[in-house]
Amino acid sequence: MRVLAKIEENCVACHSCEEACSNLYFKEKNPLKAALRIIEAQNDTDPHHIVTCTQCGQCINACPTLAISQAKNGVVRINKKMCVGCLICVSVCPENAMFFHDDEQEPFKCVACGVCVKNCPTEALYIKTD
């Protein structure tokens, strides 16, 4: 299985990962269009929280149009041609890692491409394969 893994203690909340992700997939540096999110810590003792898809697949069975499937490498993908934008997948995601933006027709999620890993200056992100 291929999944984006994290070491939250290394995250400095620079948001470089979010910018790289949104730039790759939506051609704009907009953290609200990133397929992962950095939730900044509320105090100096807690680490920042990195929200990303664990590729658990709970969204697959919830999709009424069968637009979501799991590839052989374990990555959960959304077929945009089949998706009707009902957002049921967003509501069932246990990690809150299925995202939606008003500018887009369909939800989006991490596909473990690794662009965020390449842009993280503190190695808080890495690709894990089984």
N, C-alpha and C. Protein backbone atom coordinates (compact mmCIF):
# COMPACT_ATOMS: atom_id res chain seq x y z
N MET A 1 0.84 -1.19 0.00
CA MET A 1 0.00 0.00 0.00
C MET A 1 0.88 1.24 0.00
N ARG A 2 0.49 2.22 -0.78
CA ARG A 2 1.20 3.50 -0.86
C ARG A 2 0.37 4.55 -0.12
N VAL A 3 1.01 5.23 0.83
CA VAL A 3 0.29 6.22 1.64
C VAL A 3 1.24 7.35 2.03
N LEU A 4 0.68 8.54 2.15
CA LEU A 4 1.45 9.67 2.66
C LEU A 4 1.50 9.55 4.18
N ALA A 5 2.70 9.45 4.72
CA ALA A 5 2.88 9.33 6.17
C ALA A 5 3.46 10.63 6.70
N LYS A 6 3.39 10.78 8.00
CA LYS A 6 3.77 12.06 8.60
C LYS A 6 4.51 11.90 9.91
N ILE A 7 5.36 12.87 10.20
CA ILE A 7 6.02 12.99 11.50
C ILE A 7 5.65 14.39 11.98
N GLU A 8 4.55 14.47 12.68
CA GLU A 8 3.99 15.78 13.05
C GLU A 8 4.95 16.64 13.87
N GLU A 9 5.80 16.01 14.65
CA GLU A 9 6.76 16.76 15.47
C GLU A 9 7.74 17.56 14.61
N ASN A 10 7.93 17.14 13.37
CA ASN A 10 8.85 17.85 12.47
C ASN A 10 8.20 19.03 11.76
N CYS A 11 6.89 19.09 11.76
CA CYS A 11 6.17 20.13 11.01
C CYS A 11 6.32 21.49 11.68
N VAL A 12 6.68 22.49 10.87
CA VAL A 12 6.81 23.87 11.37
C VAL A 12 5.69 24.77 10.83
N ALA A 13 4.69 24.16 10.22
CA ALA A 13 3.52 24.87 9.68
C ALA A 13 3.90 25.96 8.68
N CYS A 14 4.85 25.66 7.81
CA CYS A 14 5.23 26.62 6.77
C CYS A 14 4.26 26.59 5.59
N HIS A 15 3.47 25.51 5.51
CA HIS A 15 2.44 25.33 4.49
C HIS A 15 3.00 25.14 3.08
N SER A 16 4.29 24.85 2.96
CA SER A 16 4.89 24.58 1.64
C SER A 16 4.25 23.37 0.98
N CYS A 17 3.89 22.38 1.77
CA CYS A 17 3.26 21.17 1.25
C CYS A 17 1.90 21.49 0.62
N GLU A 18 1.12 22.31 1.30
CA GLU A 18 -0.20 22.68 0.79
C GLU A 18 -0.08 23.47 -0.51
N GLU A 19 0.86 24.39 -0.55
CA GLU A 19 1.06 25.19 -1.75
C GLU A 19 1.49 24.33 -2.93
N ALA A 20 2.41 23.40 -2.69
CA ALA A 20 2.89 22.53 -3.77
C ALA A 20 1.77 21.64 -4.29
N CYS A 21 0.97 21.11 -3.39
CA CYS A 21 -0.15 20.24 -3.77
C CYS A 21 -1.18 21.00 -4.60
N SER A 22 -1.63 22.12 -4.11
CA SER A 22 -2.66 22.88 -4.84
C SER A 22 -2.13 23.41 -6.17
N ASN A 23 -0.86 23.75 -6.21
CA ASN A 23 -0.26 24.23 -7.45
C ASN A 23 -0.20 23.12 -8.50
N LEU A 24 0.14 21.91 -8.06
CA LEU A 24 0.22 20.78 -8.99
C LEU A 24 -1.15 20.42 -9.55
N TYR A 25 -2.14 20.32 -8.70
CA TYR A 25 -3.45 19.82 -9.13
C TYR A 25 -4.43 20.89 -9.58
N PHE A 26 -4.29 22.11 -9.08
CA PHE A 26 -5.23 23.16 -9.45
C PHE A 26 -4.56 24.39 -10.06
N LYS A 27 -3.25 24.33 -10.22
CA LYS A 27 -2.48 25.42 -10.84
C LYS A 27 -2.61 26.74 -10.09
N GLU A 28 -2.78 26.67 -8.78
CA GLU A 28 -2.79 27.87 -7.94
C GLU A 28 -2.32 27.50 -6.54
N LYS A 29 -1.66 28.44 -5.90
CA LYS A 29 -1.18 28.21 -4.53
C LYS A 29 -2.27 28.63 -3.57
N ASN A 30 -3.15 27.69 -3.27
CA ASN A 30 -4.29 27.94 -2.40
C ASN A 30 -4.39 26.78 -1.41
N PRO A 31 -4.07 26.99 -0.14
CA PRO A 31 -4.10 25.90 0.83
C PRO A 31 -5.47 25.23 0.96
N LEU A 32 -6.53 25.92 0.59
CA LEU A 32 -7.87 25.32 0.65
C LEU A 32 -8.13 24.39 -0.52
N LYS A 33 -7.20 24.35 -1.47
CA LYS A 33 -7.29 23.41 -2.59
C LYS A 33 -6.18 22.37 -2.52
N ALA A 34 -5.62 22.18 -1.35
CA ALA A 34 -4.61 21.15 -1.15
C ALA A 34 -5.28 19.88 -0.66
N ALA A 35 -4.72 18.74 -1.02
CA ALA A 35 -5.28 17.46 -0.62
C ALA A 35 -4.73 16.98 0.72
N LEU A 36 -4.11 17.89 1.45
CA LEU A 36 -3.72 17.68 2.84
C LEU A 36 -3.85 19.03 3.52
N ARG A 37 -3.94 19.01 4.83
CA ARG A 37 -4.10 20.27 5.56
C ARG A 37 -3.19 20.28 6.78
N ILE A 38 -2.66 21.45 7.06
CA ILE A 38 -1.88 21.66 8.27
C ILE A 38 -2.75 22.45 9.24
N ILE A 39 -3.03 21.85 10.38
CA ILE A 39 -3.78 22.52 11.45
C ILE A 39 -2.75 22.98 12.47
N GLU A 40 -2.60 24.27 12.58
CA GLU A 40 -1.57 24.80 13.46
C GLU A 40 -1.91 24.56 14.93
N ALA A 41 -0.89 24.20 15.70
CA ALA A 41 -1.05 23.92 17.13
C ALA A 41 -1.54 25.17 17.85
N GLN A 42 -2.31 24.94 18.90
CA GLN A 42 -2.87 26.05 19.68
C GLN A 42 -1.91 26.55 20.76
N ASN A 43 -0.83 25.79 20.97
CA ASN A 43 0.16 26.21 21.97
C ASN A 43 1.55 25.75 21.54
N ASP A 44 2.54 26.10 22.31
CA ASP A 44 3.93 25.78 21.94
C ASP A 44 4.35 24.36 22.28
N THR A 45 3.54 23.64 23.03
CA THR A 45 3.94 22.29 23.44
C THR A 45 3.39 21.20 22.53
N ASP A 46 2.29 21.46 21.86
CA ASP A 46 1.70 20.45 20.97
C ASP A 46 2.25 20.59 19.56
N PRO A 47 2.38 19.46 18.84
CA PRO A 47 2.82 19.57 17.44
C PRO A 47 1.66 20.04 16.55
N HIS A 48 2.01 20.55 15.39
CA HIS A 48 0.99 20.89 14.40
C HIS A 48 0.38 19.58 13.91
N HIS A 49 -0.88 19.61 13.52
CA HIS A 49 -1.56 18.40 13.07
C HIS A 49 -1.62 18.39 11.55
N ILE A 50 -1.22 17.28 10.96
CA ILE A 50 -1.24 17.12 9.51
C ILE A 50 -2.40 16.20 9.16
N VAL A 51 -3.36 16.72 8.41
CA VAL A 51 -4.53 15.94 8.01
C VAL A 51 -4.29 15.41 6.60
N THR A 52 -4.29 14.09 6.47
CA THR A 52 -4.10 13.47 5.16
C THR A 52 -4.81 12.13 5.10
N CYS A 53 -5.08 11.69 3.91
CA CYS A 53 -5.79 10.43 3.69
C CYS A 53 -4.92 9.24 4.07
N THR A 54 -5.52 8.29 4.79
CA THR A 54 -4.82 7.07 5.15
C THR A 54 -5.09 5.94 4.16
N GLN A 55 -5.86 6.24 3.12
CA GLN A 55 -6.24 5.26 2.08
C GLN A 55 -7.03 4.10 2.69
N CYS A 56 -7.82 4.39 3.73
CA CYS A 56 -8.59 3.34 4.42
C CYS A 56 -9.71 2.77 3.55
N GLY A 57 -10.23 3.57 2.64
CA GLY A 57 -11.26 3.09 1.73
C GLY A 57 -12.69 3.17 2.22
N GLN A 58 -12.94 3.78 3.37
CA GLN A 58 -14.32 3.87 3.86
C GLN A 58 -15.22 4.65 2.90
N CYS A 59 -14.65 5.55 2.15
CA CYS A 59 -15.42 6.35 1.19
C CYS A 59 -15.90 5.50 0.01
N ILE A 60 -15.22 4.41 -0.28
CA ILE A 60 -15.56 3.59 -1.45
C ILE A 60 -16.98 3.06 -1.35
N ASN A 61 -17.32 2.43 -0.25
CA ASN A 61 -18.66 1.85 -0.09
C ASN A 61 -19.74 2.90 0.08
N ALA A 62 -19.36 4.09 0.49
CA ALA A 62 -20.34 5.16 0.70
C ALA A 62 -20.75 5.84 -0.60
N CYS A 63 -19.95 5.71 -1.63
CA CYS A 63 -20.21 6.42 -2.89
C CYS A 63 -21.37 5.77 -3.66
N PRO A 64 -22.47 6.50 -3.87
CA PRO A 64 -23.63 5.92 -4.55
C PRO A 64 -23.43 5.70 -6.05
N THR A 65 -22.42 6.34 -6.64
CA THR A 65 -22.20 6.18 -8.09
C THR A 65 -20.99 5.30 -8.41
N LEU A 66 -20.39 4.72 -7.39
CA LEU A 66 -19.21 3.87 -7.54
C LEU A 66 -18.05 4.61 -8.21
N ALA A 67 -17.95 5.89 -7.93
CA ALA A 67 -16.90 6.73 -8.51
C ALA A 67 -15.57 6.61 -7.78
N ILE A 68 -15.57 5.94 -6.64
CA ILE A 68 -14.34 5.83 -5.85
C ILE A 68 -13.89 4.38 -5.84
N SER A 69 -12.61 4.18 -6.09
CA SER A 69 -12.06 2.82 -6.11
C SER A 69 -10.64 2.84 -5.53
N GLN A 70 -10.13 1.65 -5.27
CA GLN A 70 -8.78 1.54 -4.73
C GLN A 70 -7.89 0.87 -5.76
N ALA A 71 -6.82 1.53 -6.13
CA ALA A 71 -5.88 1.00 -7.11
C ALA A 71 -5.07 -0.15 -6.51
N LYS A 72 -4.37 -0.87 -7.36
CA LYS A 72 -3.55 -1.99 -6.90
C LYS A 72 -2.50 -1.58 -5.87
N ASN A 73 -2.02 -0.34 -5.97
CA ASN A 73 -1.01 0.14 -5.02
C ASN A 73 -1.63 0.64 -3.71
N GLY A 74 -2.97 0.52 -3.59
CA GLY A 74 -3.66 0.89 -2.36
C GLY A 74 -4.21 2.29 -2.33
N VAL A 75 -3.87 3.10 -3.32
CA VAL A 75 -4.33 4.49 -3.34
C VAL A 75 -5.80 4.56 -3.75
N VAL A 76 -6.58 5.25 -2.95
CA VAL A 76 -8.00 5.46 -3.23
C VAL A 76 -8.12 6.63 -4.20
N ARG A 77 -8.86 6.41 -5.28
CA ARG A 77 -8.99 7.44 -6.32
C ARG A 77 -10.45 7.73 -6.63
N ILE A 78 -10.70 8.97 -7.05
CA ILE A 78 -12.04 9.41 -7.44
C ILE A 78 -12.08 9.55 -8.95
N ASN A 79 -13.04 8.88 -9.58
CA ASN A 79 -13.26 9.03 -11.02
C ASN A 79 -14.16 10.25 -11.20
N LYS A 80 -13.59 11.34 -11.66
CA LYS A 80 -14.34 12.60 -11.77
C LYS A 80 -15.47 12.52 -12.78
N LYS A 81 -15.36 11.62 -13.75
CA LYS A 81 -16.44 11.47 -14.75
C LYS A 81 -17.66 10.80 -14.14
N MET A 82 -17.46 9.98 -13.12
CA MET A 82 -18.57 9.27 -12.48
C MET A 82 -19.11 10.00 -11.26
N CYS A 83 -18.32 10.89 -10.68
CA CYS A 83 -18.71 11.60 -9.46
C CYS A 83 -19.81 12.62 -9.76
N VAL A 84 -20.83 12.64 -8.91
CA VAL A 84 -21.93 13.61 -9.07
C VAL A 84 -21.84 14.73 -8.04
N GLY A 85 -20.80 14.72 -7.22
CA GLY A 85 -20.60 15.79 -6.25
C GLY A 85 -21.57 15.78 -5.09
N CYS A 86 -22.04 14.61 -4.69
CA CYS A 86 -23.00 14.52 -3.58
C CYS A 86 -22.33 14.76 -2.22
N LEU A 87 -21.02 14.57 -2.16
CA LEU A 87 -20.19 14.82 -0.97
C LEU A 87 -20.42 13.84 0.17
N ILE A 88 -21.05 12.72 -0.10
CA ILE A 88 -21.20 11.70 0.94
C ILE A 88 -19.82 11.23 1.40
N CYS A 89 -18.90 11.10 0.49
CA CYS A 89 -17.55 10.67 0.84
C CYS A 89 -16.88 11.62 1.82
N VAL A 90 -17.14 12.90 1.66
CA VAL A 90 -16.58 13.90 2.57
C VAL A 90 -17.10 13.67 3.98
N SER A 91 -18.38 13.36 4.09
CA SER A 91 -18.99 13.21 5.41
C SER A 91 -18.60 11.91 6.11
N VAL A 92 -18.22 10.87 5.37
CA VAL A 92 -17.88 9.59 6.01
C VAL A 92 -16.39 9.42 6.29
N CYS A 93 -15.57 10.30 5.80
CA CYS A 93 -14.12 10.14 5.98
C CYS A 93 -13.73 10.26 7.45
N PRO A 94 -13.16 9.20 8.03
CA PRO A 94 -12.81 9.24 9.46
C PRO A 94 -11.64 10.17 9.77
N GLU A 95 -10.86 10.52 8.77
CA GLU A 95 -9.71 11.41 8.96
C GLU A 95 -10.03 12.86 8.60
N ASN A 96 -11.24 13.11 8.11
CA ASN A 96 -11.60 14.44 7.57
C ASN A 96 -10.62 14.86 6.49
N ALA A 97 -10.23 13.89 5.66
CA ALA A 97 -9.21 14.11 4.64
C ALA A 97 -9.76 14.05 3.22
N MET A 98 -11.06 14.05 3.08
CA MET A 98 -11.70 14.19 1.77
C MET A 98 -12.17 15.64 1.73
N PHE A 99 -11.65 16.39 0.80
CA PHE A 99 -11.87 17.84 0.79
C PHE A 99 -12.77 18.28 -0.36
N PHE A 100 -13.37 19.46 -0.19
CA PHE A 100 -14.20 20.05 -1.23
C PHE A 100 -13.98 21.56 -1.23
N HIS A 101 -13.96 22.13 -2.40
CA HIS A 101 -13.84 23.59 -2.55
C HIS A 101 -14.96 24.05 -3.48
N ASP A 102 -15.55 25.18 -3.17
CA ASP A 102 -16.68 25.69 -3.96
C ASP A 102 -16.35 25.91 -5.43
N ASP A 103 -15.09 26.11 -5.75
CA ASP A 103 -14.69 26.31 -7.15
C ASP A 103 -14.72 25.02 -7.96
N GLU A 104 -14.78 23.90 -7.28
CA GLU A 104 -14.67 22.60 -7.95
C GLU A 104 -16.00 21.85 -7.94
N GLN A 105 -16.16 20.95 -8.89
CA GLN A 105 -17.38 20.14 -8.99
C GLN A 105 -17.33 18.91 -8.08
N GLU A 106 -16.13 18.36 -7.91
CA GLU A 106 -15.98 17.11 -7.17
C GLU A 106 -15.07 17.31 -5.96
N PRO A 107 -15.19 16.41 -4.99
CA PRO A 107 -14.25 16.43 -3.86
C PRO A 107 -12.87 15.97 -4.34
N PHE A 108 -11.87 16.14 -3.50
CA PHE A 108 -10.52 15.71 -3.85
C PHE A 108 -9.82 15.22 -2.59
N LYS A 109 -8.78 14.42 -2.79
CA LYS A 109 -8.06 13.80 -1.68
C LYS A 109 -6.63 13.51 -2.09
N CYS A 110 -5.83 13.16 -1.13
CA CYS A 110 -4.43 12.82 -1.38
C CYS A 110 -4.34 11.50 -2.16
N VAL A 111 -3.50 11.51 -3.19
CA VAL A 111 -3.25 10.29 -3.96
C VAL A 111 -1.79 9.83 -3.78
N ALA A 112 -1.15 10.33 -2.75
CA ALA A 112 0.22 9.93 -2.39
C ALA A 112 1.19 10.12 -3.56
N CYS A 113 1.08 11.25 -4.24
CA CYS A 113 1.96 11.53 -5.38
C CYS A 113 3.36 11.92 -4.93
N GLY A 114 3.48 12.51 -3.75
CA GLY A 114 4.78 12.86 -3.20
C GLY A 114 5.26 14.28 -3.45
N VAL A 115 4.48 15.10 -4.14
CA VAL A 115 4.93 16.48 -4.39
C VAL A 115 5.10 17.25 -3.08
N CYS A 116 4.27 16.97 -2.10
CA CYS A 116 4.38 17.63 -0.80
C CYS A 116 5.66 17.21 -0.08
N VAL A 117 6.01 15.95 -0.23
CA VAL A 117 7.23 15.42 0.39
C VAL A 117 8.45 16.17 -0.13
N LYS A 118 8.49 16.36 -1.45
CA LYS A 118 9.62 17.04 -2.08
C LYS A 118 9.72 18.50 -1.65
N ASN A 119 8.61 19.09 -1.24
CA ASN A 119 8.60 20.51 -0.88
C ASN A 119 8.62 20.77 0.62
N CYS A 120 8.65 19.73 1.43
CA CYS A 120 8.68 19.91 2.89
C CYS A 120 10.13 20.10 3.35
N PRO A 121 10.45 21.25 3.92
CA PRO A 121 11.83 21.52 4.32
C PRO A 121 12.27 20.80 5.60
N THR A 122 11.33 20.21 6.33
CA THR A 122 11.68 19.60 7.62
C THR A 122 11.47 18.09 7.65
N GLU A 123 11.17 17.49 6.50
CA GLU A 123 10.95 16.05 6.39
C GLU A 123 9.84 15.57 7.32
N ALA A 124 8.78 16.36 7.40
CA ALA A 124 7.62 15.97 8.20
C ALA A 124 6.71 15.01 7.45
N LEU A 125 6.93 14.89 6.14
CA LEU A 125 6.12 14.02 5.30
C LEU A 125 7.01 13.03 4.55
N TYR A 126 6.49 11.83 4.33
CA TYR A 126 7.21 10.84 3.53
C TYR A 126 6.20 9.85 2.95
N ILE A 127 6.59 9.19 1.89
CA ILE A 127 5.73 8.18 1.28
C ILE A 127 6.11 6.83 1.87
N LYS A 128 5.10 6.15 2.37
CA LYS A 128 5.28 4.83 2.98
C LYS A 128 4.68 3.79 2.03
N THR A 129 5.41 2.74 1.77
CA THR A 129 4.90 1.64 0.95
C THR A 129 5.07 0.34 1.72
N ASP A 130 4.08 -0.53 1.56
CA ASP A 130 4.15 -1.84 2.23
C ASP A 130 4.68 -2.88 1.27
